[in-house]
Amino acid sequence: MLAVAAALVASMFVLRGARIARLRAEIASLERRQETALAEKILLEEQLAAASDPEAIEALARLWLGWVLPDEEKAIFIQEE
């Protein structure tokens, strides 16, 4: 009877230890995800700040849309293969 009780108590400690180990691993995973999310948040905040910057908007319009100012000329170079 004493051996059964001792085995039951030992199994409770083993199960509790396994659960604690799982929870610690989950905490570590969540902390890594939080760090990644914070880094992405900083990047998005920088992009949002740049989106309201007139110089950044002009640079993107020139790059993506090929816009030029009225007193400028656009040159397109075509390379032969």
Protein backbone atom coordinates (compact mmCIF):
# COMPACT_ATOMS: atom_id res chain seq x y z
CA MET A 1 0.00 0.00 0.00
CA LEU A 2 2.82 2.37 0.86
CA ALA A 3 4.55 1.59 -2.44
CA VAL A 4 1.38 2.43 -4.37
CA ALA A 5 1.06 5.75 -2.56
CA ALA A 6 4.73 6.53 -3.18
CA ALA A 7 4.33 5.68 -6.89
CA LEU A 8 1.24 7.88 -7.09
CA VAL A 9 3.06 10.83 -5.48
CA ALA A 10 6.10 10.30 -7.71
CA SER A 11 3.92 10.20 -10.84
CA MET A 12 2.24 13.46 -9.77
CA PHE A 13 5.66 15.12 -9.52
CA VAL A 14 6.76 13.72 -12.88
CA LEU A 15 3.56 14.91 -14.58
CA ARG A 16 3.84 18.31 -12.93
CA GLY A 17 7.49 18.57 -14.03
CA ALA A 18 6.56 17.69 -17.61
CA ARG A 19 3.80 20.31 -17.59
CA ILE A 20 6.17 22.94 -16.23
CA ALA A 21 8.70 22.09 -18.95
CA ARG A 22 6.00 22.44 -21.63
CA LEU A 23 4.88 25.77 -20.22
CA ARG A 24 8.45 27.08 -20.10
CA ALA A 25 8.93 26.10 -23.75
CA GLU A 26 5.68 27.85 -24.64
CA ILE A 27 6.78 30.98 -22.78
CA ALA A 28 10.09 31.00 -24.68
CA SER A 29 8.24 30.62 -27.98
CA LEU A 30 5.84 33.44 -27.12
CA GLU A 31 8.73 35.70 -26.10
CA ARG A 32 10.41 35.08 -29.48
CA ARG A 33 7.13 35.85 -31.28
CA GLN A 34 6.76 39.02 -29.22
CA GLU A 35 10.28 40.18 -30.17
CA THR A 36 9.49 39.54 -33.85
CA ALA A 37 6.18 41.41 -33.58
CA LEU A 38 7.86 44.38 -31.89
CA ALA A 39 10.53 44.56 -34.61
CA GLU A 40 7.81 44.43 -37.28
CA LYS A 41 5.87 47.16 -35.43
CA ILE A 42 8.91 49.43 -35.45
CA LEU A 43 9.42 48.82 -39.18
CA LEU A 44 5.76 49.57 -39.92
CA GLU A 45 5.87 52.75 -37.84
CA GLU A 46 8.92 53.89 -39.82
CA GLN A 47 7.13 53.13 -43.09
CA LEU A 48 4.06 55.02 -41.90
CA ALA A 49 6.18 58.03 -40.97
CA ALA A 50 7.86 57.93 -44.38
CA ALA A 51 4.46 57.70 -46.09
CA SER A 52 3.60 61.20 -44.92
CA ASP A 53 7.00 62.65 -45.88
CA PRO A 54 6.66 64.67 -49.13
CA GLU A 55 10.19 63.82 -50.24
CA ALA A 56 9.55 60.09 -49.75
CA ILE A 57 6.29 60.35 -51.69
CA GLU A 58 8.07 62.15 -54.53
CA ALA A 59 10.86 59.57 -54.60
CA LEU A 60 8.35 56.70 -54.78
CA ALA A 61 6.33 58.44 -57.51
CA ARG A 62 9.50 58.90 -59.55
CA LEU A 63 10.57 55.29 -59.00
CA TRP A 64 7.26 53.46 -59.41
CA LEU A 65 5.42 55.74 -61.82
CA GLY A 66 8.32 57.25 -63.72
CA TRP A 67 7.21 60.80 -62.92
CA VAL A 68 9.40 63.76 -63.74
CA LEU A 69 9.06 67.46 -62.91
CA PRO A 70 8.01 69.84 -65.70
CA ASP A 71 11.56 71.20 -66.17
CA GLU A 72 13.16 67.74 -66.26
CA GLU A 73 13.69 65.30 -69.10
CA LYS A 74 13.41 61.56 -68.71
CA ALA A 75 15.94 59.37 -70.46
CA ILE A 76 15.29 55.69 -71.11
CA PHE A 77 18.25 53.54 -72.08
CA ILE A 78 17.62 50.37 -74.07
CA GLN A 79 20.42 47.85 -74.19
CA GLU A 80 20.88 45.56 -77.12
CA GLU A 81 21.29 41.91 -76.35
